[in-house]
């Protein structure tokens, strides 16, 4: 089943990545990656571990030089000039554990050249925005993992960048802490900040992202809004069957035009239209069905499909 890159190929966005390639020895980490982020959107870059997400971030942050291609931030080639436009929350917290929250923010604010008056104001505002104003003078090493992730986000936005890159922002967090980080991301979006979010959590992308791209083995497989991606699959619903006679179920489904897939150990079928449960059972009349479940088409189904041929 062929897939092409999404239609958005215009340049002049907050972030333009054009035909980006990067290798490490014989390993190709990125291959001809092109994408554009428009102002005020949350753009999800999805893929399994090792897909090339962090390599892409390191290139646009200036930590790595690409082998080919170009990165434009606010229409300008990524360089020292564009650093004030960019804020990065790395996958691993780069916080000074023996310093307080205020001292960490002050250190990074100084790096970005904020004056003492502006610096104090921004630190106070950022601590409030990540709900850590009551922990301003707490040593970072005493904070929970969720609090440290929120402080890392505060560090990324202390200089009021136009583009914020969040690299796996909720990895390793419990569900309550994850919700807190999600709320902060939505808050940034409401303020007009453009966000590049890398994640391997598909539900996170479904909840937060305006557009989504799938990266695997350094290649961009497809991109688009959730609604656009769902139209790529010829299915309105996915059903999963447990049966004692899988060959008979597969043969019967084929007569109805259902596309068969196997997800892990489960037998599944794509339905071109939604059917009432009784009508669905009638389609498999005479087949010994142990259990049947239904679900809408999700990002997981789409990702599994575009990954089949790679």
C-alpha atoms as a PDB file:
ATOM      1  CA  UNK A   1       0.000   0.000   0.000  1.00  0.00           C
ATOM      2  CA  UNK A   2       1.873   3.144  -1.167  1.00  0.00           C
ATOM      3  CA  UNK A   3       2.116   6.239   0.979  1.00  0.00           C
ATOM      4  CA  UNK A   4       3.484   9.650   0.092  1.00  0.00           C
ATOM      5  CA  UNK A   5       4.583  12.564   2.192  1.00  0.00           C
ATOM      6  CA  UNK A   6       1.772  14.919   3.155  1.00  0.00           C
ATOM      7  CA  UNK A   7       0.860  17.855   0.952  1.00  0.00           C
ATOM      8  CA  UNK A   8       2.390  20.559   3.182  1.00  0.00           C
ATOM      9  CA  UNK A   9       5.614  21.447   1.376  1.00  0.00           C
ATOM     10  CA  UNK A  10       5.484  25.258   1.633  1.00  0.00           C
ATOM     11  CA  UNK A  11       8.402  27.132   3.157  1.00  0.00           C
ATOM     12  CA  UNK A  12       8.375  30.212   5.345  1.00  0.00           C
ATOM     13  CA  UNK A  13       6.995  28.584   8.492  1.00  0.00           C
ATOM     14  CA  UNK A  14       8.347  28.928  12.013  1.00  0.00           C
ATOM     15  CA  UNK A  15      10.429  25.823  11.264  1.00  0.00           C
ATOM     16  CA  UNK A  16      11.352  24.507   7.814  1.00  0.00           C
ATOM     17  CA  UNK A  17      13.347  21.304   7.523  1.00  0.00           C
ATOM     18  CA  UNK A  18      14.336  20.737   3.911  1.00  0.00           C
ATOM     19  CA  UNK A  19      15.712  17.426   2.561  1.00  0.00           C
ATOM     20  CA  UNK A  20      17.616  16.714   5.770  1.00  0.00           C
ATOM     21  CA  UNK A  21      20.011  13.748   5.858  1.00  0.00           C
ATOM     22  CA  UNK A  22      22.441  12.603   8.530  1.00  0.00           C
ATOM     23  CA  UNK A  23      24.520   9.467   8.939  1.00  0.00           C
ATOM     24  CA  UNK A  24      26.862   8.078  11.561  1.00  0.00           C
ATOM     25  CA  UNK A  25      29.378   5.902   9.782  1.00  0.00           C
ATOM     26  CA  UNK A  26      27.395   3.245   7.912  1.00  0.00           C
ATOM     27  CA  UNK A  27      24.167   3.983   9.804  1.00  0.00           C
ATOM     28  CA  UNK A  28      21.782   6.375   8.091  1.00  0.00           C
ATOM     29  CA  UNK A  29      19.969   8.234  10.891  1.00  0.00           C
ATOM     30  CA  UNK A  30      17.954  10.631   8.697  1.00  0.00           C
ATOM     31  CA  UNK A  31      17.166  10.385   4.995  1.00  0.00           C
ATOM     32  CA  UNK A  32      15.709  13.292   2.978  1.00  0.00           C
ATOM     33  CA  UNK A  33      13.372  14.547   5.731  1.00  0.00           C
ATOM     34  CA  UNK A  34      11.242  17.560   4.787  1.00  0.00           C
ATOM     35  CA  UNK A  35       8.589  19.179   6.984  1.00  0.00           C
ATOM     36  CA  UNK A  36       7.214  22.614   7.862  1.00  0.00           C
ATOM     37  CA  UNK A  37       5.691  23.898  11.099  1.00  0.00           C
ATOM     38  CA  UNK A  38       3.260  26.786  10.820  1.00  0.00           C
ATOM     39  CA  UNK A  39       2.777  29.360  13.602  1.00  0.00           C
ATOM     40  CA  UNK A  40       0.913  28.234  16.700  1.00  0.00           C
ATOM     41  CA  UNK A  41       0.591  24.533  15.897  1.00  0.00           C
ATOM     42  CA  UNK A  42       1.616  21.444  17.822  1.00  0.00           C
ATOM     43  CA  UNK A  43       3.376  19.162  15.361  1.00  0.00           C
ATOM     44  CA  UNK A  44       4.005  15.596  16.454  1.00  0.00           C
ATOM     45  CA  UNK A  45       7.044  13.700  15.233  1.00  0.00           C
ATOM     46  CA  UNK A  46       6.300  10.070  16.023  1.00  0.00           C
ATOM     47  CA  UNK A  47       8.346   6.950  15.764  1.00  0.00           C
ATOM     48  CA  UNK A  48       9.819   4.055  17.731  1.00  0.00           C
ATOM     49  CA  UNK A  49      13.081   4.347  19.636  1.00  0.00           C
ATOM     50  CA  UNK A  50      15.899   4.772  17.152  1.00  0.00           C
ATOM     51  CA  UNK A  51      13.671   6.289  14.461  1.00  0.00           C
ATOM     52  CA  UNK A  52      15.789   9.441  14.207  1.00  0.00           C
ATOM     53  CA  UNK A  53      13.690  11.858  16.260  1.00  0.00           C
ATOM     54  CA  UNK A  54      16.464  12.941  18.633  1.00  0.00           C
ATOM     55  CA  UNK A  55      18.956  13.195  15.763  1.00  0.00           C
ATOM     56  CA  UNK A  56      16.599  15.618  14.002  1.00  0.00           C
ATOM     57  CA  UNK A  57      16.350  17.708  17.174  1.00  0.00           C
ATOM     58  CA  UNK A  58      20.124  17.751  17.628  1.00  0.00           C
ATOM     59  CA  UNK A  59      20.530  19.001  14.064  1.00  0.00           C
ATOM     60  CA  UNK A  60      18.004  21.808  14.347  1.00  0.00           C
ATOM     61  CA  UNK A  61      19.463  22.749  17.753  1.00  0.00           C
ATOM     62  CA  UNK A  62      22.926  23.091  16.218  1.00  0.00           C
ATOM     63  CA  UNK A  63      24.440  20.192  18.156  1.00  0.00           C
ATOM     64  CA  UNK A  64      24.963  18.202  14.956  1.00  0.00           C
ATOM     65  CA  UNK A  65      25.731  19.262  11.402  1.00  0.00           C
ATOM     66  CA  UNK A  66      23.640  17.596   8.675  1.00  0.00           C
ATOM     67  CA  UNK A  67      25.234  15.761   5.780  1.00  0.00           C
ATOM     68  CA  UNK A  68      22.703  17.341   3.431  1.00  0.00           C
ATOM     69  CA  UNK A  69      19.685  19.613   3.585  1.00  0.00           C
ATOM     70  CA  UNK A  70      18.866  22.757   5.500  1.00  0.00           C
ATOM     71  CA  UNK A  71      17.065  23.877   8.658  1.00  0.00           C
ATOM     72  CA  UNK A  72      15.358  27.291   8.675  1.00  0.00           C
ATOM     73  CA  UNK A  73      14.012  28.868  11.862  1.00  0.00           C
ATOM     74  CA  UNK A  74      11.769  31.909  11.325  1.00  0.00           C
ATOM     75  CA  UNK A  75      12.950  31.898   7.718  1.00  0.00           C
ATOM     76  CA  UNK A  76      16.655  32.059   8.613  1.00  0.00           C
ATOM     77  CA  UNK A  77      19.272  29.287   8.472  1.00  0.00           C
ATOM     78  CA  UNK A  78      19.719  27.743  11.919  1.00  0.00           C
ATOM     79  CA  UNK A  79      22.682  29.454  13.559  1.00  0.00           C
ATOM     80  CA  UNK A  80      23.664  31.562  16.558  1.00  0.00           C
ATOM     81  CA  UNK A  81      21.300  34.230  15.227  1.00  0.00           C
ATOM     82  CA  UNK A  82      18.273  31.945  15.484  1.00  0.00           C
ATOM     83  CA  UNK A  83      18.999  30.519  18.944  1.00  0.00           C
ATOM     84  CA  UNK A  84      16.788  33.091  20.738  1.00  0.00           C
ATOM     85  CA  UNK A  85      13.856  31.843  18.634  1.00  0.00           C
ATOM     86  CA  UNK A  86      14.287  28.263  19.869  1.00  0.00           C
ATOM     87  CA  UNK A  87      13.685  26.574  23.205  1.00  0.00           C
ATOM     88  CA  UNK A  88      14.476  22.895  23.757  1.00  0.00           C
ATOM     89  CA  UNK A  89      13.286  20.491  26.434  1.00  0.00           C
ATOM     90  CA  UNK A  90      15.587  17.467  25.992  1.00  0.00           C
ATOM     91  CA  UNK A  91      14.601  13.890  26.696  1.00  0.00           C
ATOM     92  CA  UNK A  92      16.971  13.802  29.673  1.00  0.00           C
ATOM     93  CA  UNK A  93      16.726  16.575  32.264  1.00  0.00           C
ATOM     94  CA  UNK A  94      19.766  18.846  31.997  1.00  0.00           C
ATOM     95  CA  UNK A  95      19.190  20.505  35.355  1.00  0.00           C
ATOM     96  CA  UNK A  96      21.712  21.288  38.064  1.00  0.00           C
ATOM     97  CA  UNK A  97      20.573  19.009  40.870  1.00  0.00           C
ATOM     98  CA  UNK A  98      22.321  20.947  43.648  1.00  0.00           C
ATOM     99  CA  UNK A  99      20.805  24.303  42.638  1.00  0.00           C
ATOM    100  CA  UNK A 100      17.296  25.541  43.343  1.00  0.00           C
ATOM    101  CA  UNK A 101      14.598  25.932  40.712  1.00  0.00           C
ATOM    102  CA  UNK A 102      15.147  29.703  40.732  1.00  0.00           C
ATOM    103  CA  UNK A 103      18.913  29.332  40.386  1.00  0.00           C
ATOM    104  CA  UNK A 104      18.557  26.929  37.454  1.00  0.00           C
ATOM    105  CA  UNK A 105      16.254  29.303  35.617  1.00  0.00           C
ATOM    106  CA  UNK A 106      18.481  32.266  36.411  1.00  0.00           C
ATOM    107  CA  UNK A 107      21.521  30.459  34.979  1.00  0.00           C
ATOM    108  CA  UNK A 108      19.804  29.664  31.682  1.00  0.00           C
ATOM    109  CA  UNK A 109      18.204  33.115  31.471  1.00  0.00           C
ATOM    110  CA  UNK A 110      21.677  34.661  31.748  1.00  0.00           C
ATOM    111  CA  UNK A 111      22.878  32.460  28.875  1.00  0.00           C
ATOM    112  CA  UNK A 112      20.103  33.924  26.715  1.00  0.00           C
ATOM    113  CA  UNK A 113      21.159  37.447  27.689  1.00  0.00           C
ATOM    114  CA  UNK A 114      18.124  38.488  29.700  1.00  0.00           C
ATOM    115  CA  UNK A 115      18.720  41.625  31.758  1.00  0.00           C
ATOM    116  CA  UNK A 116      18.460  41.344  35.567  1.00  0.00           C
ATOM    117  CA  UNK A 117      15.039  43.036  35.642  1.00  0.00           C
ATOM    118  CA  UNK A 118      13.588  40.963  32.801  1.00  0.00           C
ATOM    119  CA  UNK A 119      15.266  37.842  34.136  1.00  0.00           C
ATOM    120  CA  UNK A 120      13.578  38.077  37.541  1.00  0.00           C
ATOM    121  CA  UNK A 121      10.199  38.726  35.957  1.00  0.00           C
ATOM    122  CA  UNK A 122      10.517  35.821  33.514  1.00  0.00           C
ATOM    123  CA  UNK A 123      11.648  33.381  36.215  1.00  0.00           C
ATOM    124  CA  UNK A 124       8.656  34.266  38.343  1.00  0.00           C
ATOM    125  CA  UNK A 125       6.280  33.947  35.372  1.00  0.00           C
ATOM    126  CA  UNK A 126       7.753  30.610  34.241  1.00  0.00           C
ATOM    127  CA  UNK A 127       7.612  29.082  37.710  1.00  0.00           C
ATOM    128  CA  UNK A 128       3.961  30.106  37.940  1.00  0.00           C
ATOM    129  CA  UNK A 129       3.195  28.698  34.500  1.00  0.00           C
ATOM    130  CA  UNK A 130       4.570  25.251  35.432  1.00  0.00           C
ATOM    131  CA  UNK A 131       2.993  25.332  38.906  1.00  0.00           C
ATOM    132  CA  UNK A 132       6.318  25.434  40.745  1.00  0.00           C
ATOM    133  CA  UNK A 133       6.205  28.936  42.219  1.00  0.00           C
ATOM    134  CA  UNK A 134       5.905  27.423  45.709  1.00  0.00           C
ATOM    135  CA  UNK A 135       9.101  25.403  45.070  1.00  0.00           C
ATOM    136  CA  UNK A 136      11.196  28.278  43.729  1.00  0.00           C
ATOM    137  CA  UNK A 137      13.909  27.829  46.344  1.00  0.00           C
ATOM    138  CA  UNK A 138      13.749  24.038  46.584  1.00  0.00           C
ATOM    139  CA  UNK A 139      16.847  22.142  45.479  1.00  0.00           C
ATOM    140  CA  UNK A 140      16.139  20.362  42.211  1.00  0.00           C
ATOM    141  CA  UNK A 141      17.423  17.058  43.571  1.00  0.00           C
ATOM    142  CA  UNK A 142      14.570  17.047  46.068  1.00  0.00           C
ATOM    143  CA  UNK A 143      11.870  17.317  43.392  1.00  0.00           C
ATOM    144  CA  UNK A 144       9.849  14.444  41.975  1.00  0.00           C
ATOM    145  CA  UNK A 145      10.376  13.300  38.398  1.00  0.00           C
ATOM    146  CA  UNK A 146       7.227  15.086  37.273  1.00  0.00           C
ATOM    147  CA  UNK A 147       8.319  18.350  38.897  1.00  0.00           C
ATOM    148  CA  UNK A 148      11.713  18.126  37.228  1.00  0.00           C
ATOM    149  CA  UNK A 149      10.100  17.641  33.826  1.00  0.00           C
ATOM    150  CA  UNK A 150       7.960  20.728  34.443  1.00  0.00           C
ATOM    151  CA  UNK A 151      11.048  22.695  35.457  1.00  0.00           C
ATOM    152  CA  UNK A 152      12.801  21.528  32.272  1.00  0.00           C
ATOM    153  CA  UNK A 153       9.878  22.962  30.333  1.00  0.00           C
ATOM    154  CA  UNK A 154      10.231  26.254  32.239  1.00  0.00           C
ATOM    155  CA  UNK A 155      13.914  26.358  31.249  1.00  0.00           C
ATOM    156  CA  UNK A 156      12.930  25.865  27.594  1.00  0.00           C
ATOM    157  CA  UNK A 157      10.563  28.853  27.618  1.00  0.00           C
ATOM    158  CA  UNK A 158      12.363  31.258  29.964  1.00  0.00           C
ATOM    159  CA  UNK A 159      13.521  33.437  27.022  1.00  0.00           C
ATOM    160  CA  UNK A 160      10.077  33.420  25.328  1.00  0.00           C
ATOM    161  CA  UNK A 161      11.020  31.504  22.164  1.00  0.00           C
ATOM    162  CA  UNK A 162       8.717  31.326  19.143  1.00  0.00           C
ATOM    163  CA  UNK A 163       9.478  27.604  18.673  1.00  0.00           C
ATOM    164  CA  UNK A 164       9.682  25.047  21.480  1.00  0.00           C
ATOM    165  CA  UNK A 165      10.985  21.521  20.888  1.00  0.00           C
ATOM    166  CA  UNK A 166       9.819  18.903  23.376  1.00  0.00           C
ATOM    167  CA  UNK A 167      11.744  15.635  23.089  1.00  0.00           C
ATOM    168  CA  UNK A 168       9.734  12.806  24.693  1.00  0.00           C
ATOM    169  CA  UNK A 169       8.450  15.184  27.409  1.00  0.00           C
ATOM    170  CA  UNK A 170       6.467  12.583  29.373  1.00  0.00           C
ATOM    171  CA  UNK A 171       8.711   9.523  29.129  1.00  0.00           C
ATOM    172  CA  UNK A 172       8.869   7.753  32.467  1.00  0.00           C
ATOM    173  CA  UNK A 173       6.183   9.854  34.122  1.00  0.00           C
ATOM    174  CA  UNK A 174       3.164   8.519  35.969  1.00  0.00           C
ATOM    175  CA  UNK A 175      -0.249   9.294  34.513  1.00  0.00           C
ATOM    176  CA  UNK A 176      -0.929  12.249  36.824  1.00  0.00           C
ATOM    177  CA  UNK A 177       2.386  13.906  35.947  1.00  0.00           C
ATOM    178  CA  UNK A 178       1.774  13.212  32.286  1.00  0.00           C
ATOM    179  CA  UNK A 179      -1.564  15.034  32.446  1.00  0.00           C
ATOM    180  CA  UNK A 180       0.159  18.003  34.081  1.00  0.00           C
ATOM    181  CA  UNK A 181       2.708  18.239  31.258  1.00  0.00           C
ATOM    182  CA  UNK A 182      -0.065  17.909  28.664  1.00  0.00           C
ATOM    183  CA  UNK A 183      -1.914  20.813  30.267  1.00  0.00           C
ATOM    184  CA  UNK A 184       1.245  22.934  30.064  1.00  0.00           C
ATOM    185  CA  UNK A 185       1.691  22.094  26.371  1.00  0.00           C
ATOM    186  CA  UNK A 186      -1.901  23.157  25.663  1.00  0.00           C
ATOM    187  CA  UNK A 187      -1.251  26.378  27.567  1.00  0.00           C
ATOM    188  CA  UNK A 188       1.773  27.163  25.392  1.00  0.00           C
ATOM    189  CA  UNK A 189      -0.270  26.540  22.267  1.00  0.00           C
ATOM    190  CA  UNK A 190      -2.951  28.957  23.484  1.00  0.00           C
ATOM    191  CA  UNK A 191      -0.192  31.558  23.858  1.00  0.00           C
ATOM    192  CA  UNK A 192       0.690  31.127  20.178  1.00  0.00           C
ATOM    193  CA  UNK A 193       3.909  29.180  20.686  1.00  0.00           C
ATOM    194  CA  UNK A 194       4.783  26.685  17.935  1.00  0.00           C
ATOM    195  CA  UNK A 195       5.682  23.259  19.304  1.00  0.00           C
ATOM    196  CA  UNK A 196       7.568  20.324  17.820  1.00  0.00           C
ATOM    197  CA  UNK A 197       6.727  17.314  19.971  1.00  0.00           C
ATOM    198  CA  UNK A 198       8.584  14.036  19.611  1.00  0.00           C
ATOM    199  CA  UNK A 199       6.988  11.005  21.194  1.00  0.00           C
ATOM    200  CA  UNK A 200       6.474   7.282  20.766  1.00  0.00           C
ATOM    201  CA  UNK A 201       3.183   7.514  22.699  1.00  0.00           C
ATOM    202  CA  UNK A 202       0.418   7.499  20.104  1.00  0.00           C
ATOM    203  CA  UNK A 203      -2.311   8.530  22.554  1.00  0.00           C
ATOM    204  CA  UNK A 204      -0.225  11.572  23.497  1.00  0.00           C
ATOM    205  CA  UNK A 205      -0.048  12.629  19.859  1.00  0.00           C
ATOM    206  CA  UNK A 206      -3.789  12.080  19.351  1.00  0.00           C
ATOM    207  CA  UNK A 207      -4.594  14.324  22.306  1.00  0.00           C
ATOM    208  CA  UNK A 208      -2.156  17.159  21.600  1.00  0.00           C
ATOM    209  CA  UNK A 209      -1.132  17.424  17.970  1.00  0.00           C
ATOM    210  CA  UNK A 210      -2.619  19.421  15.115  1.00  0.00           C
ATOM    211  CA  UNK A 211      -0.521  17.520  12.602  1.00  0.00           C
ATOM    212  CA  UNK A 212       1.515  14.345  12.900  1.00  0.00           C
ATOM    213  CA  UNK A 213       4.459  12.845  11.018  1.00  0.00           C
ATOM    214  CA  UNK A 214       5.687   9.265  11.235  1.00  0.00           C
ATOM    215  CA  UNK A 215       9.415   8.651  11.234  1.00  0.00           C
ATOM    216  CA  UNK A 216      10.929   5.196  10.975  1.00  0.00           C
ATOM    217  CA  UNK A 217      14.573   4.284  10.380  1.00  0.00           C
ATOM    218  CA  UNK A 218      15.255   7.909   9.538  1.00  0.00           C
ATOM    219  CA  UNK A 219      12.595   8.221   6.852  1.00  0.00           C
ATOM    220  CA  UNK A 220       9.442  10.293   6.976  1.00  0.00           C
ATOM    221  CA  UNK A 221       6.680   7.842   6.067  1.00  0.00           C
ATOM    222  CA  UNK A 222       3.720  10.220   6.021  1.00  0.00           C
ATOM    223  CA  UNK A 223       2.346  13.366   7.641  1.00  0.00           C
ATOM    224  CA  UNK A 224      -0.973  15.165   8.048  1.00  0.00           C
ATOM    225  CA  UNK A 225      -3.746  15.933  10.490  1.00  0.00           C
ATOM    226  CA  UNK A 226      -5.344  13.070  12.399  1.00  0.00           C
ATOM    227  CA  UNK A 227      -8.403  13.310  10.169  1.00  0.00           C
ATOM    228  CA  UNK A 228      -6.232  13.240   7.031  1.00  0.00           C
ATOM    229  CA  UNK A 229      -4.227  10.247   8.225  1.00  0.00           C
ATOM    230  CA  UNK A 230      -7.368   8.292   9.033  1.00  0.00           C
ATOM    231  CA  UNK A 231      -8.552   8.702   5.445  1.00  0.00           C
ATOM    232  CA  UNK A 232      -5.395   6.917   4.241  1.00  0.00           C
ATOM    233  CA  UNK A 233      -6.863   3.613   5.459  1.00  0.00           C
ATOM    234  CA  UNK A 234      -9.897   2.208   3.602  1.00  0.00           C
ATOM    235  CA  UNK A 235     -11.671   1.482   6.879  1.00  0.00           C
ATOM    236  CA  UNK A 236     -14.391   3.063   8.992  1.00  0.00           C
ATOM    237  CA  UNK A 237     -13.960   0.609  11.849  1.00  0.00           C
ATOM    238  CA  UNK A 238     -11.626  -2.170  12.986  1.00  0.00           C
ATOM    239  CA  UNK A 239     -12.921  -5.365  14.522  1.00  0.00           C
ATOM    240  CA  UNK A 240     -10.860  -7.929  16.408  1.00  0.00           C
ATOM    241  CA  UNK A 241     -11.965 -11.569  16.503  1.00  0.00           C
ATOM    242  CA  UNK A 242     -11.128 -14.535  18.649  1.00  0.00           C
ATOM    243  CA  UNK A 243     -12.258 -17.740  17.001  1.00  0.00           C
ATOM    244  CA  UNK A 244     -11.483 -21.446  17.032  1.00  0.00           C
ATOM    245  CA  UNK A 245     -11.501 -21.461  13.213  1.00  0.00           C
ATOM    246  CA  UNK A 246      -9.396 -18.582  11.943  1.00  0.00           C
ATOM    247  CA  UNK A 247      -9.104 -19.869   8.335  1.00  0.00           C
ATOM    248  CA  UNK A 248     -12.903 -19.963   8.044  1.00  0.00           C
ATOM    249  CA  UNK A 249     -13.217 -16.458   9.519  1.00  0.00           C
ATOM    250  CA  UNK A 250     -10.580 -15.096   7.113  1.00  0.00           C
ATOM    251  CA  UNK A 251     -12.272 -16.726   4.131  1.00  0.00           C
ATOM    252  CA  UNK A 252     -15.698 -15.389   5.169  1.00  0.00           C
ATOM    253  CA  UNK A 253     -14.340 -11.871   5.722  1.00  0.00           C
ATOM    254  CA  UNK A 254     -12.818 -11.902   2.242  1.00  0.00           C
ATOM    255  CA  UNK A 255     -16.243 -12.539   0.691  1.00  0.00           C
ATOM    256  CA  UNK A 256     -17.492  -9.354   2.390  1.00  0.00           C
ATOM    257  CA  UNK A 257     -14.533  -7.258   1.268  1.00  0.00           C
ATOM    258  CA  UNK A 258     -12.996  -6.972   4.738  1.00  0.00           C
ATOM    259  CA  UNK A 259      -9.219  -6.444   4.792  1.00  0.00           C
ATOM    260  CA  UNK A 260      -7.468  -8.836   7.161  1.00  0.00           C
ATOM    261  CA  UNK A 261      -4.655  -7.787   9.461  1.00  0.00           C
ATOM    262  CA  UNK A 262      -2.968  -9.412  12.424  1.00  0.00           C
ATOM    263  CA  UNK A 263      -2.075  -7.154  15.344  1.00  0.00           C
ATOM    264  CA  UNK A 264       0.263  -9.043  17.643  1.00  0.00           C
ATOM    265  CA  UNK A 265      -1.600 -12.357  18.156  1.00  0.00           C
ATOM    266  CA  UNK A 266      -5.013 -10.889  17.357  1.00  0.00           C
ATOM    267  CA  UNK A 267      -6.935 -11.408  14.131  1.00  0.00           C
ATOM    268  CA  UNK A 268      -8.435  -8.134  12.917  1.00  0.00           C
ATOM    269  CA  UNK A 269     -10.460  -6.898   9.960  1.00  0.00           C
ATOM    270  CA  UNK A 270     -10.962  -3.469   8.435  1.00  0.00           C
ATOM    271  CA  UNK A 271     -14.598  -2.679   7.759  1.00  0.00           C
ATOM    272  CA  UNK A 272     -15.337  -0.262   4.875  1.00  0.00           C
ATOM    273  CA  UNK A 273     -18.454   0.856   6.779  1.00  0.00           C
ATOM    274  CA  UNK A 274     -19.712   0.698  10.345  1.00  0.00           C
ATOM    275  CA  UNK A 275     -22.127  -2.148  11.018  1.00  0.00           C
ATOM    276  CA  UNK A 276     -24.519  -2.814  13.874  1.00  0.00           C
ATOM    277  CA  UNK A 277     -23.343  -5.635  16.110  1.00  0.00           C
ATOM    278  CA  UNK A 278     -26.121  -8.008  15.035  1.00  0.00           C
ATOM    279  CA  UNK A 279     -25.388  -7.360  11.369  1.00  0.00           C
ATOM    280  CA  UNK A 280     -21.696  -7.933  12.028  1.00  0.00           C
ATOM    281  CA  UNK A 281     -22.388 -11.254  13.745  1.00  0.00           C
ATOM    282  CA  UNK A 282     -24.575 -12.268  10.836  1.00  0.00           C
ATOM    283  CA  UNK A 283     -21.629 -11.754   8.497  1.00  0.00           C
ATOM    284  CA  UNK A 284     -19.785 -14.451  10.447  1.00  0.00           C
ATOM    285  CA  UNK A 285     -22.768 -16.746  10.957  1.00  0.00           C
ATOM    286  CA  UNK A 286     -21.622 -20.333  11.465  1.00  0.00           C
ATOM    287  CA  UNK A 287     -18.090 -19.291  12.511  1.00  0.00           C
ATOM    288  CA  UNK A 288     -17.322 -20.240  16.147  1.00  0.00           C
ATOM    289  CA  UNK A 289     -16.632 -16.758  17.562  1.00  0.00           C
ATOM    290  CA  UNK A 290     -15.233 -16.673  21.100  1.00  0.00           C
ATOM    291  CA  UNK A 291     -15.057 -12.877  21.377  1.00  0.00           C
ATOM    292  CA  UNK A 292     -15.410  -9.834  19.154  1.00  0.00           C
ATOM    293  CA  UNK A 293     -14.438  -6.217  19.813  1.00  0.00           C
ATOM    294  CA  UNK A 294     -14.773  -3.023  17.797  1.00  0.00           C
ATOM    295  CA  UNK A 295     -12.682   0.146  17.685  1.00  0.00           C
ATOM    296  CA  UNK A 296     -12.393   3.274  15.550  1.00  0.00           C
ATOM    297  CA  UNK A 297      -9.395   3.676  13.265  1.00  0.00           C
ATOM    298  CA  UNK A 298      -6.567   5.025  15.431  1.00  0.00           C
ATOM    299  CA  UNK A 299      -3.032   6.272  14.938  1.00  0.00           C
ATOM    300  CA  UNK A 300      -1.823   2.873  16.052  1.00  0.00           C
ATOM    301  CA  UNK A 301      -3.566   1.180  13.121  1.00  0.00           C
ATOM    302  CA  UNK A 302      -2.190   3.762  10.720  1.00  0.00           C
ATOM    303  CA  UNK A 303       1.349   3.541  12.047  1.00  0.00           C
ATOM    304  CA  UNK A 304       1.353  -0.240  11.859  1.00  0.00           C
ATOM    305  CA  UNK A 305       0.156  -0.011   8.277  1.00  0.00           C
ATOM    306  CA  UNK A 306       2.696   2.505   6.995  1.00  0.00           C
ATOM    307  CA  UNK A 307       5.412   0.506   8.758  1.00  0.00           C
ATOM    308  CA  UNK A 308       4.533  -2.736   6.976  1.00  0.00           C
ATOM    309  CA  UNK A 309       6.565  -2.033   3.879  1.00  0.00           C
ATOM    310  CA  UNK A 310       9.602  -0.483   5.553  1.00  0.00           C
END
